[in-house]
PDB file of N, CA and C in Angstrom:
ATOM      1  N   MET A   1      49.591  -4.740  34.904  1.00  0.00           N
ATOM      2  CA  MET A   1      50.887  -4.691  34.246  1.00  0.00           C
ATOM      3  C   MET A   1      51.437  -3.277  34.322  1.00  0.00           C
ATOM      4  N   ASP A   2      52.716  -3.183  34.533  1.00  0.00           N
ATOM      5  CA  ASP A   2      53.356  -1.878  34.620  1.00  0.00           C
ATOM      6  C   ASP A   2      53.689  -1.347  33.234  1.00  0.00           C
ATOM      7  N   TRP A   3      53.483  -0.074  33.078  1.00  0.00           N
ATOM      8  CA  TRP A   3      53.846   0.625  31.855  1.00  0.00           C
ATOM      9  C   TRP A   3      55.044   1.504  32.200  1.00  0.00           C
ATOM     10  N   LYS A   4      56.074   1.454  31.378  1.00  0.00           N
ATOM     11  CA  LYS A   4      57.264   2.259  31.598  1.00  0.00           C
ATOM     12  C   LYS A   4      57.342   3.311  30.496  1.00  0.00           C
ATOM     13  N   LEU A   5      57.055   4.538  30.860  1.00  0.00           N
ATOM     14  CA  LEU A   5      57.045   5.634  29.893  1.00  0.00           C
ATOM     15  C   LEU A   5      58.033   6.698  30.340  1.00  0.00           C
ATOM     16  N   ASP A   6      58.740   7.262  29.379  1.00  0.00           N
ATOM     17  CA  ASP A   6      59.680   8.336  29.688  1.00  0.00           C
ATOM     18  C   ASP A   6      59.690   9.350  28.554  1.00  0.00           C
ATOM     19  N   ASP A   7      60.580  10.296  28.628  1.00  0.00           N
ATOM     20  CA  ASP A   7      60.631  11.370  27.629  1.00  0.00           C
ATOM     21  C   ASP A   7      61.604  11.086  26.487  1.00  0.00           C
ATOM     22  N   SER A   8      62.088   9.850  26.380  1.00  0.00           N
ATOM     23  CA  SER A   8      63.097   9.535  25.369  1.00  0.00           C
ATOM     24  C   SER A   8      62.544   9.493  23.946  1.00  0.00           C
ATOM     25  N   MET A   9      61.254   9.240  23.813  1.00  0.00           N
ATOM     26  CA  MET A   9      60.609   9.190  22.496  1.00  0.00           C
ATOM     27  C   MET A   9      59.117   9.417  22.694  1.00  0.00           C
ATOM     28  N   PRO A  10      58.375   9.645  21.620  1.00  0.00           N
ATOM     29  CA  PRO A  10      56.938   9.881  21.769  1.00  0.00           C
ATOM     30  C   PRO A  10      56.249   8.743  22.538  1.00  0.00           C
ATOM     31  N   ILE A  11      55.292   9.121  23.382  1.00  0.00           N
ATOM     32  CA  ILE A  11      54.588   8.170  24.235  1.00  0.00           C
ATOM     33  C   ILE A  11      53.899   7.087  23.401  1.00  0.00           C
ATOM     34  N   TRP A  12      53.267   7.464  22.301  1.00  0.00           N
ATOM     35  CA  TRP A  12      52.528   6.473  21.515  1.00  0.00           C
ATOM     36  C   TRP A  12      53.452   5.396  20.964  1.00  0.00           C
ATOM     37  N   ILE A  13      54.690   5.763  20.640  1.00  0.00           N
ATOM     38  CA  ILE A  13      55.652   4.773  20.147  1.00  0.00           C
ATOM     39  C   ILE A  13      56.039   3.818  21.281  1.00  0.00           C
ATOM     40  N   GLN A  14      56.253   4.371  22.470  1.00  0.00           N
ATOM     41  CA  GLN A  14      56.571   3.531  23.624  1.00  0.00           C
ATOM     42  C   GLN A  14      55.426   2.567  23.930  1.00  0.00           C
ATOM     43  N   LEU A  15      54.201   3.068  23.847  1.00  0.00           N
ATOM     44  CA  LEU A  15      53.031   2.215  24.086  1.00  0.00           C
ATOM     45  C   LEU A  15      52.961   1.096  23.050  1.00  0.00           C
ATOM     46  N   ALA A  16      53.168   1.446  21.788  1.00  0.00           N
ATOM     47  CA  ALA A  16      53.121   0.446  20.714  1.00  0.00           C
ATOM     48  C   ALA A  16      54.190  -0.622  20.938  1.00  0.00           C
ATOM     49  N   GLU A  17      55.394  -0.201  21.345  1.00  0.00           N
ATOM     50  CA  GLU A  17      56.471  -1.161  21.589  1.00  0.00           C
ATOM     51  C   GLU A  17      56.134  -2.087  22.760  1.00  0.00           C
ATOM     52  N   GLN A  18      55.548  -1.520  23.806  1.00  0.00           N
ATOM     53  CA  GLN A  18      55.232  -2.332  24.978  1.00  0.00           C
ATOM     54  C   GLN A  18      54.085  -3.309  24.706  1.00  0.00           C
ATOM     55  N   ILE A  19      53.103  -2.875  23.935  1.00  0.00           N
ATOM     56  CA  ILE A  19      52.016  -3.792  23.576  1.00  0.00           C
ATOM     57  C   ILE A  19      52.544  -4.879  22.640  1.00  0.00           C
ATOM     58  N   THR A  20      53.429  -4.506  21.719  1.00  0.00           N
ATOM     59  CA  THR A  20      54.058  -5.488  20.834  1.00  0.00           C
ATOM     60  C   THR A  20      54.798  -6.532  21.657  1.00  0.00           C
ATOM     61  N   GLN A  21      55.544  -6.076  22.649  1.00  0.00           N
ATOM     62  CA  GLN A  21      56.272  -6.996  23.542  1.00  0.00           C
ATOM     63  C   GLN A  21      55.297  -7.957  24.220  1.00  0.00           C
ATOM     64  N   ARG A  22      54.172  -7.440  24.645  1.00  0.00           N
ATOM     65  CA  ARG A  22      53.169  -8.276  25.322  1.00  0.00           C
ATOM     66  C   ARG A  22      52.539  -9.287  24.367  1.00  0.00           C
ATOM     67  N   ILE A  23      52.437  -8.918  23.105  1.00  0.00           N
ATOM     68  CA  ILE A  23      51.883  -9.843  22.108  1.00  0.00           C
ATOM     69  C   ILE A  23      52.885 -10.960  21.818  1.00  0.00           C
ATOM     70  N   VAL A  24      54.132 -10.597  21.529  1.00  0.00           N
ATOM     71  CA  VAL A  24      55.109 -11.633  21.160  1.00  0.00           C
ATOM     72  C   VAL A  24      55.467 -12.535  22.338  1.00  0.00           C
ATOM     73  N   SER A  25      55.323 -12.029  23.558  1.00  0.00           N
ATOM     74  CA  SER A  25      55.620 -12.859  24.736  1.00  0.00           C
ATOM     75  C   SER A  25      54.432 -13.723  25.154  1.00  0.00           C
ATOM     76  N   GLY A  26      53.260 -13.461  24.563  1.00  0.00           N
ATOM     77  CA  GLY A  26      52.081 -14.250  24.891  1.00  0.00           C
ATOM     78  C   GLY A  26      51.234 -13.683  26.016  1.00  0.00           C
ATOM     79  N   THR A  27      51.620 -12.532  26.572  1.00  0.00           N
ATOM     80  CA  THR A  27      50.790 -11.893  27.589  1.00  0.00           C
ATOM     81  C   THR A  27      49.419 -11.586  27.006  1.00  0.00           C
ATOM     82  N   TYR A  28      49.423 -11.099  25.765  1.00  0.00           N
ATOM     83  CA  TYR A  28      48.186 -10.953  24.996  1.00  0.00           C
ATOM     84  C   TYR A  28      48.239 -12.058  23.936  1.00  0.00           C
ATOM     85  N   PRO A  29      47.565 -13.176  24.162  1.00  0.00           N
ATOM     86  CA  PRO A  29      47.672 -14.336  23.265  1.00  0.00           C
ATOM     87  C   PRO A  29      47.085 -14.075  21.875  1.00  0.00           C
ATOM     88  N   MET A  30      47.640 -14.803  20.904  1.00  0.00           N
ATOM     89  CA  MET A  30      47.145 -14.710  19.535  1.00  0.00           C
ATOM     90  C   MET A  30      45.675 -15.086  19.483  1.00  0.00           C
ATOM     91  N   GLY A  31      44.913 -14.304  18.713  1.00  0.00           N
ATOM     92  CA  GLY A  31      43.493 -14.570  18.532  1.00  0.00           C
ATOM     93  C   GLY A  31      42.607 -14.067  19.653  1.00  0.00           C
ATOM     94  N   GLU A  32      43.200 -13.520  20.697  1.00  0.00           N
ATOM     95  CA  GLU A  32      42.421 -13.041  21.843  1.00  0.00           C
ATOM     96  C   GLU A  32      42.058 -11.572  21.687  1.00  0.00           C
ATOM     97  N   LYS A  33      40.994 -11.175  22.354  1.00  0.00           N
ATOM     98  CA  LYS A  33      40.540  -9.788  22.345  1.00  0.00           C
ATOM     99  C   LYS A  33      41.427  -8.962  23.274  1.00  0.00           C
ATOM    100  N   LEU A  34      41.822  -7.785  22.795  1.00  0.00           N
ATOM    101  CA  LEU A  34      42.570  -6.844  23.627  1.00  0.00           C
ATOM    102  C   LEU A  34      41.594  -6.047  24.487  1.00  0.00           C
ATOM    103  N   PRO A  35      42.062  -5.530  25.618  1.00  0.00           N
ATOM    104  CA  PRO A  35      41.219  -4.597  26.370  1.00  0.00           C
ATOM    105  C   PRO A  35      40.886  -3.403  25.473  1.00  0.00           C
ATOM    106  N   SER A  36      39.823  -2.684  25.813  1.00  0.00           N
ATOM    107  CA  SER A  36      39.416  -1.536  25.005  1.00  0.00           C
ATOM    108  C   SER A  36      40.476  -0.426  25.072  1.00  0.00           C
ATOM    109  N   VAL A  37      40.383   0.499  24.146  1.00  0.00           N
ATOM    110  CA  VAL A  37      41.290   1.648  24.121  1.00  0.00           C
ATOM    111  C   VAL A  37      41.230   2.379  25.453  1.00  0.00           C
ATOM    112  N   ARG A  38      40.036   2.618  25.936  1.00  0.00           N
ATOM    113  CA  ARG A  38      39.882   3.336  27.210  1.00  0.00           C
ATOM    114  C   ARG A  38      40.480   2.568  28.378  1.00  0.00           C
ATOM    115  N   GLU A  39      40.269   1.254  28.406  1.00  0.00           N
ATOM    116  CA  GLU A  39      40.841   0.445  29.487  1.00  0.00           C
ATOM    117  C   GLU A  39      42.363   0.492  29.462  1.00  0.00           C
ATOM    118  N   LEU A  40      42.941   0.328  28.277  1.00  0.00           N
ATOM    119  CA  LEU A  40      44.395   0.375  28.156  1.00  0.00           C
ATOM    120  C   LEU A  40      44.936   1.756  28.511  1.00  0.00           C
ATOM    121  N   ALA A  41      44.241   2.800  28.049  1.00  0.00           N
ATOM    122  CA  ALA A  41      44.679   4.165  28.340  1.00  0.00           C
ATOM    123  C   ALA A  41      44.652   4.446  29.837  1.00  0.00           C
ATOM    124  N   THR A  42      43.588   4.007  30.500  1.00  0.00           N
ATOM    125  CA  THR A  42      43.479   4.193  31.948  1.00  0.00           C
ATOM    126  C   THR A  42      44.590   3.443  32.665  1.00  0.00           C
ATOM    127  N   GLU A  43      44.823   2.209  32.250  1.00  0.00           N
ATOM    128  CA  GLU A  43      45.862   1.382  32.851  1.00  0.00           C
ATOM    129  C   GLU A  43      47.243   2.029  32.696  1.00  0.00           C
ATOM    130  N   ALA A  44      47.505   2.604  31.508  1.00  0.00           N
ATOM    131  CA  ALA A  44      48.809   3.219  31.232  1.00  0.00           C
ATOM    132  C   ALA A  44      48.902   4.655  31.743  1.00  0.00           C
ATOM    133  N   GLY A  45      47.762   5.258  32.082  1.00  0.00           N
ATOM    134  CA  GLY A  45      47.758   6.636  32.551  1.00  0.00           C
ATOM    135  C   GLY A  45      47.991   7.640  31.434  1.00  0.00           C
ATOM    136  N   VAL A  46      47.439   7.335  30.252  1.00  0.00           N
ATOM    137  CA  VAL A  46      47.601   8.224  29.101  1.00  0.00           C
ATOM    138  C   VAL A  46      46.234   8.588  28.527  1.00  0.00           C
ATOM    139  N   ASN A  47      46.231   9.562  27.657  1.00  0.00           N
ATOM    140  CA  ASN A  47      45.027   9.988  26.959  1.00  0.00           C
ATOM    141  C   ASN A  47      44.575   8.877  26.003  1.00  0.00           C
ATOM    142  N   PRO A  48      43.278   8.603  25.907  1.00  0.00           N
ATOM    143  CA  PRO A  48      42.800   7.569  24.973  1.00  0.00           C
ATOM    144  C   PRO A  48      43.237   7.808  23.524  1.00  0.00           C
ATOM    145  N   ASN A  49      43.362   9.072  23.121  1.00  0.00           N
ATOM    146  CA  ASN A  49      43.811   9.358  21.751  1.00  0.00           C
ATOM    147  C   ASN A  49      45.248   8.882  21.522  1.00  0.00           C
ATOM    148  N   THR A  50      46.072   9.005  22.547  1.00  0.00           N
ATOM    149  CA  THR A  50      47.461   8.535  22.464  1.00  0.00           C
ATOM    150  C   THR A  50      47.481   7.019  22.333  1.00  0.00           C
ATOM    151  N   MET A  51      46.678   6.341  23.131  1.00  0.00           N
ATOM    152  CA  MET A  51      46.608   4.882  23.055  1.00  0.00           C
ATOM    153  C   MET A  51      46.049   4.444  21.704  1.00  0.00           C
ATOM    154  N   GLN A  52      45.051   5.150  21.198  1.00  0.00           N
ATOM    155  CA  GLN A  52      44.483   4.812  19.892  1.00  0.00           C
ATOM    156  C   GLN A  52      45.547   4.901  18.808  1.00  0.00           C
ATOM    157  N   ARG A  53      46.403   5.902  18.891  1.00  0.00           N
ATOM    158  CA  ARG A  53      47.471   6.059  17.899  1.00  0.00           C
ATOM    159  C   ARG A  53      48.434   4.868  17.966  1.00  0.00           C
ATOM    160  N   ALA A  54      48.758   4.425  19.186  1.00  0.00           N
ATOM    161  CA  ALA A  54      49.636   3.263  19.348  1.00  0.00           C
ATOM    162  C   ALA A  54      48.984   2.008  18.760  1.00  0.00           C
ATOM    163  N   LEU A  55      47.707   1.827  19.023  1.00  0.00           N
ATOM    164  CA  LEU A  55      47.003   0.649  18.518  1.00  0.00           C
ATOM    165  C   LEU A  55      46.841   0.697  16.996  1.00  0.00           C
ATOM    166  N   ALA A  56      46.688   1.889  16.450  1.00  0.00           N
ATOM    167  CA  ALA A  56      46.608   2.026  14.994  1.00  0.00           C
ATOM    168  C   ALA A  56      47.916   1.556  14.348  1.00  0.00           C
ATOM    169  N   LYS A  57      49.037   1.817  15.016  1.00  0.00           N
ATOM    170  CA  LYS A  57      50.339   1.347  14.526  1.00  0.00           C
ATOM    171  C   LYS A  57      50.370  -0.179  14.509  1.00  0.00           C
ATOM    172  N   LEU A  58      49.851  -0.801  15.568  1.00  0.00           N
ATOM    173  CA  LEU A  58      49.824  -2.264  15.616  1.00  0.00           C
ATOM    174  C   LEU A  58      48.897  -2.832  14.549  1.00  0.00           C
ATOM    175  N   ASP A  59      47.798  -2.122  14.278  1.00  0.00           N
ATOM    176  CA  ASP A  59      46.897  -2.535  13.192  1.00  0.00           C
ATOM    177  C   ASP A  59      47.654  -2.526  11.870  1.00  0.00           C
ATOM    178  N   SER A  60      48.392  -1.442  11.615  1.00  0.00           N
ATOM    179  CA  SER A  60      49.110  -1.323  10.344  1.00  0.00           C
ATOM    180  C   SER A  60      50.259  -2.324  10.248  1.00  0.00           C
ATOM    181  N   ASP A  61      50.817  -2.721  11.392  1.00  0.00           N
ATOM    182  CA  ASP A  61      51.883  -3.731  11.406  1.00  0.00           C
ATOM    183  C   ASP A  61      51.345  -5.157  11.275  1.00  0.00           C
ATOM    184  N   GLY A  62      50.025  -5.302  11.354  1.00  0.00           N
ATOM    185  CA  GLY A  62      49.409  -6.618  11.219  1.00  0.00           C
ATOM    186  C   GLY A  62      49.367  -7.423  12.510  1.00  0.00           C
ATOM    187  N   LEU A  63      49.717  -6.799  13.636  1.00  0.00           N
ATOM    188  CA  LEU A  63      49.695  -7.508  14.913  1.00  0.00           C
ATOM    189  C   LEU A  63      48.312  -7.527  15.546  1.00  0.00           C
ATOM    190  N   THR A  64      47.484  -6.560  15.180  1.00  0.00           N
ATOM    191  CA  THR A  64      46.118  -6.510  15.682  1.00  0.00           C
ATOM    192  C   THR A  64      45.171  -6.278  14.518  1.00  0.00           C
ATOM    193  N   GLU A  65      43.922  -6.629  14.753  1.00  0.00           N
ATOM    194  CA  GLU A  65      42.889  -6.458  13.738  1.00  0.00           C
ATOM    195  C   GLU A  65      41.634  -5.943  14.430  1.00  0.00           C
ATOM    196  N   VAL A  66      40.965  -5.014  13.797  1.00  0.00           N
ATOM    197  CA  VAL A  66      39.741  -4.474  14.365  1.00  0.00           C
ATOM    198  C   VAL A  66      38.557  -5.206  13.765  1.00  0.00           C
ATOM    199  N   ASN A  67      37.727  -5.740  14.651  1.00  0.00           N
ATOM    200  CA  ASN A  67      36.499  -6.415  14.244  1.00  0.00           C
ATOM    201  C   ASN A  67      35.356  -5.543  14.762  1.00  0.00           C
ATOM    202  N   ARG A  68      34.525  -5.079  13.869  1.00  0.00           N
ATOM    203  CA  ARG A  68      33.467  -4.139  14.234  1.00  0.00           C
ATOM    204  C   ARG A  68      32.566  -4.630  15.368  1.00  0.00           C
ATOM    205  N   THR A  69      32.329  -5.919  15.393  1.00  0.00           N
ATOM    206  CA  THR A  69      31.394  -6.446  16.392  1.00  0.00           C
ATOM    207  C   THR A  69      32.055  -6.913  17.679  1.00  0.00           C
ATOM    208  N   SER A  70      33.334  -7.292  17.611  1.00  0.00           N
ATOM    209  CA  SER A  70      33.963  -7.829  18.823  1.00  0.00           C
ATOM    210  C   SER A  70      35.183  -7.055  19.295  1.00  0.00           C
ATOM    211  N   GLY A  71      35.480  -5.926  18.689  1.00  0.00           N
ATOM    212  CA  GLY A  71      36.602  -5.104  19.150  1.00  0.00           C
ATOM    213  C   GLY A  71      37.916  -5.458  18.480  1.00  0.00           C
ATOM    214  N   ARG A  72      38.985  -5.039  19.110  1.00  0.00           N
ATOM    215  CA  ARG A  72      40.327  -5.249  18.551  1.00  0.00           C
ATOM    216  C   ARG A  72      40.886  -6.571  19.074  1.00  0.00           C
ATOM    217  N   MET A  73      41.373  -7.374  18.135  1.00  0.00           N
ATOM    218  CA  MET A  73      41.903  -8.694  18.452  1.00  0.00           C
ATOM    219  C   MET A  73      43.386  -8.759  18.089  1.00  0.00           C
ATOM    220  N   VAL A  74      44.123  -9.565  18.839  1.00  0.00           N
ATOM    221  CA  VAL A  74      45.497  -9.882  18.464  1.00  0.00           C
ATOM    222  C   VAL A  74      45.410 -10.814  17.260  1.00  0.00           C
ATOM    223  N   THR A  75      46.278 -10.617  16.288  1.00  0.00           N
ATOM    224  CA  THR A  75      46.255 -11.482  15.111  1.00  0.00           C
ATOM    225  C   THR A  75      46.391 -12.942  15.522  1.00  0.00           C
ATOM    226  N   ASP A  76      45.830 -13.815  14.716  1.00  0.00           N
ATOM    227  CA  ASP A  76      45.994 -15.245  14.958  1.00  0.00           C
ATOM    228  C   ASP A  76      47.016 -15.835  13.993  1.00  0.00           C
ATOM    229  N   LYS A  77      47.732 -14.971  13.278  1.00  0.00           N
ATOM    230  CA  LYS A  77      48.735 -15.401  12.299  1.00  0.00           C
ATOM    231  C   LYS A  77      50.089 -15.560  12.988  1.00  0.00           C
ATOM    232  N   ALA A  78      50.436 -16.794  13.278  1.00  0.00           N
ATOM    233  CA  ALA A  78      51.683 -17.094  13.987  1.00  0.00           C
ATOM    234  C   ALA A  78      52.899 -16.584  13.230  1.00  0.00           C
ATOM    235  N   GLU A  79      52.860 -16.640  11.906  1.00  0.00           N
ATOM    236  CA  GLU A  79      54.021 -16.191  11.121  1.00  0.00           C
ATOM    237  C   GLU A  79      54.271 -14.696  11.297  1.00  0.00           C
ATOM    238  N   THR A  80      53.225 -13.910  11.461  1.00  0.00           N
ATOM    239  CA  THR A  80      53.375 -12.470  11.694  1.00  0.00           C
ATOM    240  C   THR A  80      54.012 -12.219  13.053  1.00  0.00           C
ATOM    241  N   VAL A  81      53.501 -12.889  14.071  1.00  0.00           N
ATOM    242  CA  VAL A  81      54.036 -12.726  15.422  1.00  0.00           C
ATOM    243  C   VAL A  81      55.478 -13.221  15.484  1.00  0.00           C
ATOM    244  N   ASP A  82      55.765 -14.357  14.854  1.00  0.00           N
ATOM    245  CA  ASP A  82      57.128 -14.892  14.847  1.00  0.00           C
ATOM    246  C   ASP A  82      58.103 -13.952  14.150  1.00  0.00           C
ATOM    247  N   ALA A  83      57.669 -13.343  13.054  1.00  0.00           N
ATOM    248  CA  ALA A  83      58.531 -12.413  12.335  1.00  0.00           C
ATOM    249  C   ALA A  83      58.879 -11.206  13.208  1.00  0.00           C
ATOM    250  N   VAL A  84      57.895 -10.680  13.921  1.00  0.00           N
ATOM    251  CA  VAL A  84      58.138  -9.542  14.808  1.00  0.00           C
ATOM    252  C   VAL A  84      59.038  -9.965  15.967  1.00  0.00           C
ATOM    253  N   ARG A  85      58.801 -11.139  16.511  1.00  0.00           N
ATOM    254  CA  ARG A  85      59.637 -11.662  17.606  1.00  0.00           C
ATOM    255  C   ARG A  85      61.096 -11.750  17.154  1.00  0.00           C
ATOM    256  N   LYS A  86      61.326 -12.255  15.936  1.00  0.00           N
ATOM    257  CA  LYS A  86      62.693 -12.376  15.415  1.00  0.00           C
ATOM    258  C   LYS A  86      63.323 -11.010  15.199  1.00  0.00           C
ATOM    259  N   GLN A  87      62.540 -10.029  14.730  1.00  0.00           N
ATOM    260  CA  GLN A  87      63.067  -8.667  14.568  1.00  0.00           C
ATOM    261  C   GLN A  87      63.493  -8.087  15.912  1.00  0.00           C
ATOM    262  N   MET A  88      62.671  -8.311  16.923  1.00  0.00           N
ATOM    263  CA  MET A  88      62.984  -7.811  18.258  1.00  0.00           C
ATOM    264  C   MET A  88      64.228  -8.502  18.816  1.00  0.00           C
ATOM    265  N   ALA A  89      64.351  -9.801  18.582  1.00  0.00           N
ATOM    266  CA  ALA A  89      65.524 -10.548  19.045  1.00  0.00           C
ATOM    267  C   ALA A  89      66.782 -10.051  18.342  1.00  0.00           C
ATOM    268  N   ALA A  90      66.691  -9.803  17.042  1.00  0.00           N
ATOM    269  CA  ALA A  90      67.846  -9.299  16.294  1.00  0.00           C
ATOM    270  C   ALA A  90      68.307  -7.947  16.838  1.00  0.00           C
ATOM    271  N   LYS A  91      67.355  -7.114  17.203  1.00  0.00           N
ATOM    272  CA  LYS A  91      67.688  -5.802  17.770  1.00  0.00           C
ATOM    273  C   LYS A  91      68.417  -5.966  19.109  1.00  0.00           C
ATOM    274  N   LEU A  92      67.945  -6.894  19.944  1.00  0.00           N
ATOM    275  CA  LEU A  92      68.607  -7.146  21.223  1.00  0.00           C
ATOM    276  C   LEU A  92      70.029  -7.680  21.032  1.00  0.00           C
ATOM    277  N   ILE A  93      70.197  -8.562  20.066  1.00  0.00           N
ATOM    278  CA  ILE A  93      71.528  -9.108  19.778  1.00  0.00           C
ATOM    279  C   ILE A  93      72.460  -7.988  19.323  1.00  0.00           C
ATOM    280  N   GLU A  94      71.945  -7.128  18.449  1.00  0.00           N
ATOM    281  CA  GLU A  94      72.717  -5.980  17.961  1.00  0.00           C
ATOM    282  C   GLU A  94      73.146  -5.090  19.127  1.00  0.00           C
ATOM    283  N   GLN A  95      72.225  -4.831  20.049  1.00  0.00           N
ATOM    284  CA  GLN A  95      72.527  -4.004  21.219  1.00  0.00           C
ATOM    285  C   GLN A  95      73.584  -4.668  22.094  1.00  0.00           C
ATOM    286  N   TYR A  96      73.500  -5.978  22.245  1.00  0.00           N
ATOM    287  CA  TYR A  96      74.482  -6.706  23.039  1.00  0.00           C
ATOM    288  C   TYR A  96      75.879  -6.515  22.450  1.00  0.00           C
ATOM    289  N   PHE A  97      76.026  -6.776  21.163  1.00  0.00           N
ATOM    290  CA  PHE A  97      77.346  -6.670  20.539  1.00  0.00           C
ATOM    291  C   PHE A  97      77.862  -5.233  20.559  1.00  0.00           C
ATOM    292  N   ALA A  98      76.976  -4.254  20.371  1.00  0.00           N
ATOM    293  CA  ALA A  98      77.400  -2.849  20.439  1.00  0.00           C
ATOM    294  C   ALA A  98      77.876  -2.500  21.845  1.00  0.00           C
ATOM    295  N   GLY A  99      77.147  -2.961  22.852  1.00  0.00           N
ATOM    296  CA  GLY A  99      77.543  -2.707  24.237  1.00  0.00           C
ATOM    297  C   GLY A  99      78.862  -3.378  24.584  1.00  0.00           C
ATOM    298  N   MET A 100      79.053  -4.586  24.119  1.00  0.00           N
ATOM    299  CA  MET A 100      80.300  -5.301  24.377  1.00  0.00           C
ATOM    300  C   MET A 100      81.469  -4.630  23.683  1.00  0.00           C
ATOM    301  N   GLU A 101      81.229  -4.105  22.490  1.00  0.00           N
ATOM    302  CA  GLU A 101      82.278  -3.378  21.771  1.00  0.00           C
ATOM    303  C   GLU A 101      82.695  -2.134  22.555  1.00  0.00           C
ATOM    304  N   GLN A 102      81.717  -1.453  23.161  1.00  0.00           N
ATOM    305  CA  GLN A 102      82.017  -0.272  23.977  1.00  0.00           C
ATOM    306  C   GLN A 102      82.861  -0.631  25.192  1.00  0.00           C
ATOM    307  N   LEU A 103      82.732  -1.862  25.650  1.00  0.00           N
ATOM    308  CA  LEU A 103      83.535  -2.328  26.778  1.00  0.00           C
ATOM    309  C   LEU A 103      84.912  -2.828  26.346  1.00  0.00           C
ATOM    310  N   GLY A 104      85.152  -2.836  25.027  1.00  0.00           N
ATOM    311  CA  GLY A 104      86.456  -3.235  24.515  1.00  0.00           C
ATOM    312  C   GLY A 104      86.556  -4.678  24.063  1.00  0.00           C
ATOM    313  N   PHE A 105      85.436  -5.379  23.997  1.00  0.00           N
ATOM    314  CA  PHE A 105      85.463  -6.762  23.546  1.00  0.00           C
ATOM    315  C   PHE A 105      85.302  -6.818  22.032  1.00  0.00           C
ATOM    316  N   SER A 106      86.017  -7.750  21.406  1.00  0.00           N
ATOM    317  CA  SER A 106      85.811  -7.982  19.978  1.00  0.00           C
ATOM    318  C   SER A 106      84.481  -8.714  19.805  1.00  0.00           C
ATOM    319  N   LYS A 107      83.978  -8.699  18.587  1.00  0.00           N
ATOM    320  CA  LYS A 107      82.725  -9.405  18.312  1.00  0.00           C
ATOM    321  C   LYS A 107      82.901 -10.900  18.595  1.00  0.00           C
ATOM    322  N   ALA A 108      84.081 -11.428  18.231  1.00  0.00           N
ATOM    323  CA  ALA A 108      84.348 -12.849  18.462  1.00  0.00           C
ATOM    324  C   ALA A 108      84.347 -13.164  19.955  1.00  0.00           C
ATOM    325  N   LYS A 109      84.995 -12.324  20.767  1.00  0.00           N
ATOM    326  CA  LYS A 109      85.050 -12.560  22.211  1.00  0.00           C
ATOM    327  C   LYS A 109      83.658 -12.413  22.833  1.00  0.00           C
ATOM    328  N   ALA A 110      82.900 -11.428  22.378  1.00  0.00           N
ATOM    329  CA  ALA A 110      81.547 -11.233  22.892  1.00  0.00           C
ATOM    330  C   ALA A 110      80.677 -12.442  22.564  1.00  0.00           C
ATOM    331  N   GLY A 111      80.818 -12.969  21.371  1.00  0.00           N
ATOM    332  CA  GLY A 111      80.079 -14.169  20.978  1.00  0.00           C
ATOM    333  C   GLY A 111      80.509 -15.378  21.782  1.00  0.00           C
ATOM    334  N   GLU A 112      81.806 -15.484  21.992  1.00  0.00           N
ATOM    335  CA  GLU A 112      82.352 -16.589  22.784  1.00  0.00           C
ATOM    336  C   GLU A 112      81.792 -16.577  24.208  1.00  0.00           C
ATOM    337  N   MET A 113      81.598 -15.375  24.764  1.00  0.00           N
ATOM    338  CA  MET A 113      81.107 -15.241  26.123  1.00  0.00           C
ATOM    339  C   MET A 113      79.676 -15.771  26.289  1.00  0.00           C
ATOM    340  N   ILE A 114      78.935 -15.813  25.209  1.00  0.00           N
ATOM    341  CA  ILE A 114      77.568 -16.341  25.305  1.00  0.00           C
ATOM    342  C   ILE A 114      77.443 -17.702  24.586  1.00  0.00           C
ATOM    343  N   GLY A 115      78.608 -18.290  24.317  1.00  0.00           N
ATOM    344  CA  GLY A 115      78.599 -19.645  23.794  1.00  0.00           C
ATOM    345  C   GLY A 115      78.503 -19.774  22.281  1.00  0.00           C
ATOM    346  N   LEU A 116      78.739 -18.696  21.570  1.00  0.00           N
ATOM    347  CA  LEU A 116      78.718 -18.770  20.109  1.00  0.00           C
ATOM    348  C   LEU A 116      80.123 -19.013  19.583  1.00  0.00           C
ATOM    349  N   GLU A 117      80.206 -19.795  18.534  1.00  0.00           N
ATOM    350  CA  GLU A 117      81.491 -19.991  17.878  1.00  0.00           C
ATOM    351  C   GLU A 117      81.657 -18.907  16.836  1.00  0.00           C
ATOM    352  N   GLU A 118      82.889 -18.544  16.536  1.00  0.00           N
ATOM    353  CA  GLU A 118      83.161 -17.457  15.597  1.00  0.00           C
ATOM    354  C   GLU A 118      82.511 -17.681  14.240  1.00  0.00           C
ATOM    355  N   SER A 119      82.377 -18.912  13.813  1.00  0.00           N
ATOM    356  CA  SER A 119      81.770 -19.212  12.519  1.00  0.00           C
ATOM    357  C   SER A 119      80.270 -18.882  12.488  1.00  0.00           C
ATOM    358  N   ASN A 120      79.647 -18.741  13.669  1.00  0.00           N
ATOM    359  CA  ASN A 120      78.215 -18.420  13.750  1.00  0.00           C
ATOM    360  C   ASN A 120      77.963 -16.934  13.814  1.00  0.00           C
ATOM    361  N   LEU A 121      79.004 -16.133  13.861  1.00  0.00           N
ATOM    362  CA  LEU A 121      78.822 -14.680  13.970  1.00  0.00           C
ATOM    363  C   LEU A 121      78.666 -14.131  12.616  1.00  0.00           C
TER     364      LEU A 121
END
């Protein structure tokens, strides 16, 4: 899998966002074991400490859980994953409407362009 990292924000935040994306999309399925910190760090081309910081964020968000005997697992709580998926979708929708506004479209016209009725905005 490709990792896309740039200087726009701290690397660990970018890593956490990309792993979150992989969890909500099912690339890393619920209840499954994640690759080790070292494996992920090598794959992403980052320091293991940076990857550990990203994974600690996912632990605190409830998307991953550390099991002493079997490593770090993706949560098996569908409601947690669904909530994060909805937050990510809301952010994308917000970005869409902001971008359309910059192009001169009203919110109603932007919604109409993707098949939404004004009453649903």
